Structure formats: structure tokens, C-alpha cells
Amino acid sequence: MKKILISRAGILTWQGREYQCSLGAGGIIKHKMEGDRATPAGCFPLRYIWHRADRIPKIETELPLKALGPNNAWCDDPNDSSYNQPVELPYRASTEHLWRDDNIYDVIVVLGYNDNPVIPGKGSAIFMHVARKNYSPTDGCVALALDDLLEILGAVKKEDVICIKSDE
């Protein structure tokens, strides 16, 4: 198992290389809560990748791949039984829509944060995804330039983890 390391300064280190990344506007914290816009501290598995096959038809990786569709969403309502899980639209509770007009969710790496077990209110939809051109802060995810993200995904193994250093 190898570790993808994320520093508080927004530097991702992988296999001896450094990459710029965006982190949550709320910083990196150990005790994440829904809506705090912070990136959770800790080490997390890389569960699988969702991608916009209409925009990025092929990704070279060992991680499981799923094609993203217009009805895919992620439940972010702590009071719903599907909290921090993928759902199909239309959905009865609050969701993060994954099929977007911008390109930030063209590639989504689902991180194993708050998923085993899911604890309501502890944070949802924590991904590694494509950064905006200006690397503006995320709502809690880790975001990289598309080419950097694809390069990293081409080298990771299923057992590798992402480790995010705390500000606290």
C-alpha cells in the first residue's frame, strides 16, 4: 500500500512528484461536520471512479470505473437513510448533483470517508475531482488539474490510500 499525501499547503505528493491541489474552503480538520466546507483529515481508501464517458471515454486505472449519468447524485441530507451514498434523481432529500455543466465532476474518485459506517452529519460527498482553472477552494474535496488527476489514477493500486494532514 502506498500513500497519496496531501499537505495543508495544497500540495499532493505521489511517487516522488508534487502536484498543486485545491482543498476545502474551511481548511483541513479532524472533526468534520456536514456543511463546514472543510476537508477531512486522515487516511482514506480510494473506492471507485465515476467519469463522464461523453467527455472522457477512457481512463487507465486499476480502480473500479463507473460511467456517470445525468440522474446520478449524492445524498447530503443527514436525516435521510441514504446519507453519504449515491442516489438516482429525482430524489426525495437534498443531494449533490454529479452531472454538471462545468468540468469539475468529469472524473470523481469516491473516497472512503464516513462510509463504514455512515455517521449522519459527519460529512458527505468527499471526492478527489477536477480542479477549477484557478484552483479555487472546494466544499471539502481534493481537486487537481485533469491531466494530473489522470496521471495519478494511472499509477494507483486498489490498496493505495489518500492521507490528508490536519490543520489542527
Protein backbone atom coordinates (compact mmCIF):
# COMPACT_ATOMS: atom_id res chain seq x y z
CA MET A 1 0.00 0.00 0.00
CA LYS A 2 1.25 3.44 -0.97
CA LYS A 3 0.03 6.79 0.30
CA ILE A 4 -1.05 9.82 -1.68
CA LEU A 5 -0.03 12.63 0.68
CA ILE A 6 -1.89 15.94 0.91
CA SER A 7 -0.31 18.85 2.78
CA ARG A 8 -2.06 21.81 4.38
CA ALA A 9 -0.41 23.98 1.70
CA GLY A 10 -2.41 22.28 -1.08
CA ILE A 11 0.40 20.06 -2.35
CA LEU A 12 -0.30 16.45 -3.27
CA THR A 13 2.76 14.20 -3.22
CA TRP A 14 2.69 10.89 -5.09
CA GLN A 15 5.61 8.72 -6.20
CA GLY A 16 8.16 11.49 -5.67
CA ARG A 17 6.22 14.14 -7.61
CA GLU A 18 4.34 17.15 -6.32
CA TYR A 19 1.05 18.40 -7.72
CA GLN A 20 -0.95 21.52 -6.87
CA CYS A 21 -4.39 20.78 -5.48
CA SER A 22 -7.38 22.64 -4.07
CA LEU A 23 -8.79 21.83 -0.66
CA GLY A 24 -11.89 22.81 1.27
CA ALA A 25 -12.53 26.48 1.96
CA GLY A 26 -12.84 25.55 5.66
CA GLY A 27 -9.30 24.13 5.81
CA ILE A 28 -8.40 20.60 6.87
CA ILE A 29 -9.99 19.43 10.11
CA LYS A 30 -10.14 16.27 12.23
CA HIS A 31 -13.78 16.68 13.26
CA LYS A 32 -15.63 17.30 10.00
CA MET A 33 -19.32 18.20 10.01
CA GLU A 34 -21.81 18.48 7.15
CA GLY A 35 -21.71 21.94 5.56
CA ASP A 36 -18.45 23.16 7.15
CA ARG A 37 -16.73 23.23 3.71
CA ALA A 38 -13.65 21.61 5.27
CA THR A 39 -11.56 18.70 4.01
CA PRO A 40 -11.43 15.83 6.50
CA ALA A 41 -8.04 14.86 7.96
CA GLY A 42 -6.98 11.23 7.90
CA CYS A 43 -6.17 8.37 5.55
CA PHE A 44 -8.94 7.07 3.31
CA PRO A 45 -9.25 4.33 0.67
CA LEU A 46 -9.96 5.12 -2.98
CA ARG A 47 -13.29 3.34 -3.51
CA TYR A 48 -14.02 3.78 -7.24
CA ILE A 49 -14.12 6.33 -10.05
CA TRP A 50 -17.13 7.87 -11.70
CA HIS A 51 -16.50 9.61 -15.02
CA ARG A 52 -18.31 11.48 -17.75
CA ALA A 53 -17.81 8.95 -20.55
CA ASP A 54 -19.17 11.50 -23.02
CA ARG A 55 -16.21 13.77 -22.18
CA ILE A 56 -13.51 11.32 -21.02
CA PRO A 57 -14.27 7.97 -22.63
CA LYS A 58 -11.30 6.02 -21.24
CA ILE A 59 -9.32 6.17 -18.02
CA GLU A 60 -6.30 3.95 -17.49
CA THR A 61 -6.51 2.78 -13.86
CA GLU A 62 -6.76 -0.27 -11.62
CA LEU A 63 -9.62 1.31 -9.68
CA PRO A 64 -13.20 0.27 -10.50
CA LEU A 65 -14.79 2.58 -13.10
CA LYS A 66 -18.43 3.62 -13.41
CA ALA A 67 -19.91 5.79 -16.16
CA LEU A 68 -21.68 8.82 -14.71
CA GLY A 69 -25.19 9.55 -15.93
CA PRO A 70 -27.49 12.61 -15.82
CA ASN A 71 -29.51 11.15 -12.94
CA ASN A 72 -26.56 10.43 -10.62
CA ALA A 73 -26.43 12.35 -7.37
CA TRP A 74 -25.04 12.01 -3.84
CA CYS A 75 -27.30 12.35 -0.79
CA ASP A 76 -26.08 15.11 1.57
CA ASP A 77 -29.10 15.17 3.91
CA PRO A 78 -28.02 13.85 7.35
CA ASN A 79 -31.65 12.98 8.16
CA ASP A 80 -32.06 10.69 5.14
CA SER A 81 -31.39 6.94 5.21
CA SER A 82 -29.18 7.29 2.09
CA TYR A 83 -26.94 9.98 3.62
CA ASN A 84 -23.43 9.96 2.11
CA GLN A 85 -24.41 7.47 -0.56
CA PRO A 86 -25.09 7.66 -4.29
CA VAL A 87 -28.72 8.08 -5.31
CA GLU A 88 -30.70 8.49 -8.51
CA LEU A 89 -32.60 11.68 -9.38
CA PRO A 90 -35.26 12.65 -8.77
CA TYR A 91 -34.65 12.01 -5.07
CA ARG A 92 -36.72 12.91 -2.03
CA ALA A 93 -33.93 14.55 0.01
CA SER A 94 -31.11 17.06 -0.57
CA THR A 95 -28.43 15.90 -2.99
CA GLU A 96 -25.24 16.96 -4.71
CA HIS A 97 -25.86 16.65 -8.45
CA LEU A 98 -22.93 14.86 -10.09
CA TRP A 99 -23.76 15.52 -13.76
CA ARG A 100 -22.60 19.12 -14.15
CA ASP A 101 -22.18 21.66 -16.93
CA ASP A 102 -18.74 22.63 -15.65
CA ASN A 103 -15.96 20.04 -15.81
CA ILE A 104 -15.13 19.54 -12.14
CA TYR A 105 -17.00 16.22 -11.93
CA ASP A 106 -15.81 14.82 -15.26
CA VAL A 107 -13.70 12.48 -13.09
CA ILE A 108 -14.75 11.75 -9.49
CA VAL A 109 -12.73 9.49 -7.21
CA VAL A 110 -15.03 8.43 -4.37
CA LEU A 111 -13.02 8.47 -1.15
CA GLY A 112 -13.81 6.09 1.69
CA TYR A 113 -14.71 8.86 4.12
CA ASN A 114 -17.62 8.39 6.57
CA ASP A 115 -18.85 5.31 4.76
CA ASN A 116 -18.12 2.36 7.05
CA PRO A 117 -20.31 3.04 8.95
CA VAL A 118 -22.00 6.22 7.76
CA ILE A 119 -22.46 8.64 10.66
CA PRO A 120 -25.21 11.23 9.99
CA GLY A 121 -23.86 14.79 9.97
CA LYS A 122 -20.18 13.81 9.84
CA GLY A 123 -19.79 14.90 6.21
CA SER A 124 -20.70 13.60 2.78
CA ALA A 125 -19.59 13.62 -0.86
CA ILE A 126 -15.85 13.74 -0.15
CA PHE A 127 -14.18 13.18 -3.50
CA MET A 128 -10.99 13.72 -5.43
CA HIS A 129 -12.04 15.52 -8.61
CA VAL A 130 -11.03 18.04 -11.28
CA ALA A 131 -9.98 21.49 -10.05
CA ARG A 132 -11.33 24.74 -11.40
CA LYS A 133 -8.83 26.59 -13.58
CA ASN A 134 -7.92 29.00 -10.75
CA TYR A 135 -7.70 26.23 -8.11
CA SER A 136 -10.38 27.95 -6.04
CA PRO A 137 -11.31 26.16 -2.79
CA THR A 138 -13.70 23.22 -2.80
CA ASP A 139 -16.55 22.41 -0.43
CA GLY A 140 -14.35 19.75 1.23
CA CYS A 141 -12.92 17.70 -1.61
CA VAL A 142 -9.40 17.43 -3.03
CA ALA A 143 -9.23 18.80 -6.59
CA LEU A 144 -6.45 18.58 -9.18
CA ALA A 145 -5.84 19.58 -12.78
CA LEU A 146 -7.38 16.94 -15.05
CA ASP A 147 -4.05 15.82 -16.52
CA ASP A 148 -2.53 15.47 -13.04
CA LEU A 149 -5.54 13.53 -11.77
CA LEU A 150 -5.42 11.14 -14.74
CA GLU A 151 -1.66 10.65 -14.31
CA ILE A 152 -2.11 9.72 -10.65
CA LEU A 153 -5.05 7.41 -11.38
CA GLY A 154 -2.93 5.61 -13.96
CA ALA A 155 -0.43 4.67 -11.26
CA VAL A 156 -2.55 3.96 -8.17
CA LYS A 157 -3.36 0.46 -7.00
CA LYS A 158 -6.62 -0.65 -5.38
CA GLU A 159 -4.97 -0.86 -1.97
CA ASP A 160 -3.48 2.67 -2.05
CA VAL A 161 -4.86 5.40 0.23
CA ILE A 162 -5.03 9.18 0.35
CA CYS A 163 -3.70 10.79 3.54
CA ILE A 164 -4.69 14.37 4.35
CA LYS A 165 -2.71 16.24 7.01
CA SER A 166 -4.70 18.14 9.63
CA ASP A 167 -4.56 21.90 10.28
CA GLU A 168 -5.42 21.20 13.92
